[in-house]
Amino acid sequence: MQNKIRYFRFMTQEMTQQELAEKAGVTRQTIIAIEKGDFNPSVKLALKLARIFGTPVETIFTLDEND
């Protein structure tokens, strides 16, 4: 799965990983892992992130062709 978390952080007044983590109720390490593609968030967390960025979840997360 691909994600655009880093892109949206920078488009949102260059939000830090820590700021995003606090808004989403997770640790900074979780945000790092999601950005690197090492961790796929739960549906609940993906929806929270979409709400924080004010965009549909499909804009942030997309499936690879092989998924």
N, C-alpha and C. Protein backbone atom coordinates (compact mmCIF):
# COMPACT_ATOMS: atom_id res chain seq x y z
N MET A 1 0.85 -1.17 0.00
CA MET A 1 0.00 0.00 0.00
C MET A 1 0.89 1.24 0.00
N GLN A 2 0.52 2.20 -0.80
CA GLN A 2 1.23 3.48 -0.87
C GLN A 2 0.49 4.51 -0.03
N ASN A 3 1.22 5.51 0.47
CA ASN A 3 0.54 6.58 1.20
C ASN A 3 1.21 7.91 0.92
N LYS A 4 0.46 8.97 1.15
CA LYS A 4 0.93 10.33 0.92
C LYS A 4 0.92 11.14 2.23
N ILE A 5 1.17 10.46 3.34
CA ILE A 5 1.16 11.13 4.64
C ILE A 5 2.16 12.28 4.67
N ARG A 6 3.39 12.00 4.24
CA ARG A 6 4.42 13.03 4.27
C ARG A 6 4.01 14.25 3.43
N TYR A 7 3.49 13.99 2.23
CA TYR A 7 3.02 15.07 1.36
C TYR A 7 1.97 15.94 2.07
N PHE A 8 0.97 15.28 2.66
CA PHE A 8 -0.09 16.02 3.32
C PHE A 8 0.40 16.76 4.56
N ARG A 9 1.38 16.20 5.26
CA ARG A 9 1.95 16.92 6.41
C ARG A 9 2.56 18.24 5.96
N PHE A 10 3.30 18.20 4.86
CA PHE A 10 3.96 19.41 4.39
C PHE A 10 2.98 20.40 3.77
N MET A 11 1.91 19.91 3.22
CA MET A 11 0.89 20.79 2.65
C MET A 11 0.00 21.40 3.74
N THR A 12 0.11 20.88 4.95
CA THR A 12 -0.66 21.39 6.08
C THR A 12 0.29 22.15 7.01
N GLN A 13 0.76 23.28 6.54
CA GLN A 13 1.65 24.15 7.31
C GLN A 13 2.85 23.40 7.87
N GLU A 14 3.41 22.49 7.07
CA GLU A 14 4.58 21.71 7.44
C GLU A 14 4.44 21.08 8.83
N MET A 15 3.32 20.39 9.02
CA MET A 15 3.03 19.71 10.28
C MET A 15 4.12 18.67 10.57
N THR A 16 4.60 18.63 11.80
CA THR A 16 5.62 17.65 12.16
C THR A 16 4.97 16.28 12.40
N GLN A 17 5.80 15.26 12.40
CA GLN A 17 5.31 13.92 12.71
C GLN A 17 4.72 13.89 14.11
N GLN A 18 5.34 14.59 15.04
CA GLN A 18 4.86 14.63 16.42
C GLN A 18 3.49 15.30 16.50
N GLU A 19 3.32 16.41 15.80
CA GLU A 19 2.02 17.10 15.80
C GLU A 19 0.93 16.21 15.23
N LEU A 20 1.24 15.53 14.13
CA LEU A 20 0.25 14.63 13.53
C LEU A 20 -0.07 13.49 14.48
N ALA A 21 0.95 12.93 15.10
CA ALA A 21 0.74 11.83 16.05
C ALA A 21 -0.18 12.25 17.19
N GLU A 22 0.05 13.43 17.73
CA GLU A 22 -0.79 13.92 18.84
C GLU A 22 -2.23 14.12 18.39
N LYS A 23 -2.43 14.67 17.21
CA LYS A 23 -3.79 14.87 16.70
C LYS A 23 -4.50 13.55 16.45
N ALA A 24 -3.74 12.53 16.01
CA ALA A 24 -4.33 11.23 15.69
C ALA A 24 -4.40 10.30 16.90
N GLY A 25 -3.75 10.67 17.99
CA GLY A 25 -3.78 9.83 19.18
C GLY A 25 -2.89 8.61 19.10
N VAL A 26 -1.76 8.75 18.39
CA VAL A 26 -0.80 7.65 18.27
C VAL A 26 0.60 8.19 18.58
N THR A 27 1.58 7.32 18.54
CA THR A 27 2.95 7.75 18.79
C THR A 27 3.60 8.26 17.50
N ARG A 28 4.66 9.02 17.67
CA ARG A 28 5.42 9.49 16.52
C ARG A 28 5.99 8.31 15.73
N GLN A 29 6.37 7.26 16.45
CA GLN A 29 6.91 6.07 15.80
C GLN A 29 5.89 5.43 14.86
N THR A 30 4.62 5.49 15.23
CA THR A 30 3.56 4.96 14.37
C THR A 30 3.49 5.76 13.07
N ILE A 31 3.55 7.07 13.17
CA ILE A 31 3.52 7.91 11.97
C ILE A 31 4.73 7.63 11.09
N ILE A 32 5.90 7.48 11.70
CA ILE A 32 7.12 7.16 10.95
C ILE A 32 6.94 5.85 10.19
N ALA A 33 6.44 4.83 10.89
CA ALA A 33 6.26 3.51 10.28
C ALA A 33 5.26 3.56 9.12
N ILE A 34 4.19 4.32 9.27
CA ILE A 34 3.20 4.45 8.20
C ILE A 34 3.84 5.14 7.00
N GLU A 35 4.55 6.25 7.24
CA GLU A 35 5.18 6.99 6.15
C GLU A 35 6.17 6.12 5.39
N LYS A 36 6.92 5.29 6.09
CA LYS A 36 7.92 4.43 5.46
C LYS A 36 7.29 3.23 4.75
N GLY A 37 6.02 2.97 5.02
CA GLY A 37 5.35 1.82 4.43
C GLY A 37 5.59 0.53 5.19
N ASP A 38 6.11 0.65 6.41
CA ASP A 38 6.36 -0.52 7.25
C ASP A 38 5.13 -0.96 8.03
N PHE A 39 4.11 -0.10 8.09
CA PHE A 39 2.92 -0.38 8.89
C PHE A 39 1.70 0.15 8.16
N ASN A 40 0.69 -0.69 8.04
CA ASN A 40 -0.59 -0.26 7.47
C ASN A 40 -1.52 0.07 8.62
N PRO A 41 -2.07 1.28 8.64
CA PRO A 41 -2.93 1.68 9.75
C PRO A 41 -4.26 0.94 9.72
N SER A 42 -4.89 0.91 10.87
CA SER A 42 -6.24 0.36 10.95
C SER A 42 -7.17 1.28 10.17
N VAL A 43 -8.34 0.80 9.88
CA VAL A 43 -9.33 1.63 9.18
C VAL A 43 -9.64 2.86 10.02
N LYS A 44 -9.77 2.67 11.31
CA LYS A 44 -10.08 3.79 12.21
C LYS A 44 -9.00 4.86 12.14
N LEU A 45 -7.73 4.45 12.19
CA LEU A 45 -6.64 5.42 12.14
C LEU A 45 -6.57 6.08 10.76
N ALA A 46 -6.77 5.32 9.71
CA ALA A 46 -6.76 5.89 8.36
C ALA A 46 -7.85 6.96 8.22
N LEU A 47 -9.02 6.68 8.77
CA LEU A 47 -10.11 7.66 8.72
C LEU A 47 -9.80 8.90 9.56
N LYS A 48 -9.16 8.70 10.71
CA LYS A 48 -8.75 9.85 11.54
C LYS A 48 -7.77 10.73 10.77
N LEU A 49 -6.79 10.10 10.12
CA LEU A 49 -5.80 10.86 9.36
C LEU A 49 -6.47 11.63 8.23
N ALA A 50 -7.40 11.00 7.54
CA ALA A 50 -8.13 11.68 6.47
C ALA A 50 -8.90 12.87 7.01
N ARG A 51 -9.50 12.72 8.16
CA ARG A 51 -10.25 13.82 8.78
C ARG A 51 -9.31 14.97 9.15
N ILE A 52 -8.15 14.63 9.70
CA ILE A 52 -7.17 15.66 10.08
C ILE A 52 -6.75 16.47 8.86
N PHE A 53 -6.53 15.80 7.74
CA PHE A 53 -6.10 16.48 6.53
C PHE A 53 -7.26 17.03 5.70
N GLY A 54 -8.49 16.69 6.07
CA GLY A 54 -9.66 17.20 5.36
C GLY A 54 -9.76 16.68 3.94
N THR A 55 -9.44 15.40 3.76
CA THR A 55 -9.45 14.80 2.43
C THR A 55 -9.97 13.37 2.52
N PRO A 56 -10.49 12.82 1.45
CA PRO A 56 -10.94 11.42 1.48
C PRO A 56 -9.77 10.47 1.74
N VAL A 57 -10.04 9.40 2.42
CA VAL A 57 -9.00 8.42 2.77
C VAL A 57 -8.32 7.87 1.51
N GLU A 58 -9.05 7.76 0.42
CA GLU A 58 -8.49 7.23 -0.83
C GLU A 58 -7.46 8.17 -1.44
N THR A 59 -7.48 9.42 -1.04
CA THR A 59 -6.49 10.38 -1.52
C THR A 59 -5.15 10.16 -0.82
N ILE A 60 -5.19 9.67 0.40
CA ILE A 60 -3.97 9.45 1.19
C ILE A 60 -3.41 8.05 0.96
N PHE A 61 -4.28 7.06 0.92
CA PHE A 61 -3.84 5.67 0.82
C PHE A 61 -4.33 5.04 -0.49
N THR A 62 -3.41 4.38 -1.20
CA THR A 62 -3.77 3.68 -2.42
C THR A 62 -3.11 2.29 -2.43
N LEU A 63 -3.75 1.36 -3.08
CA LEU A 63 -3.18 0.01 -3.19
C LEU A 63 -2.19 -0.05 -4.34
N ASP A 64 -1.13 -0.82 -4.14
CA ASP A 64 -0.20 -1.10 -5.22
C ASP A 64 -0.90 -2.02 -6.22
N GLU A 65 -0.40 -2.08 -7.42
CA GLU A 65 -1.00 -2.96 -8.43
C GLU A 65 -0.93 -4.42 -7.99
N ASN A 66 0.09 -4.80 -7.23
CA ASN A 66 0.27 -6.19 -6.80
C ASN A 66 -0.57 -6.57 -5.59
N ASP A 67 -1.19 -5.59 -4.93
CA ASP A 67 -1.98 -5.89 -3.72
C ASP A 67 -3.32 -6.45 -4.04
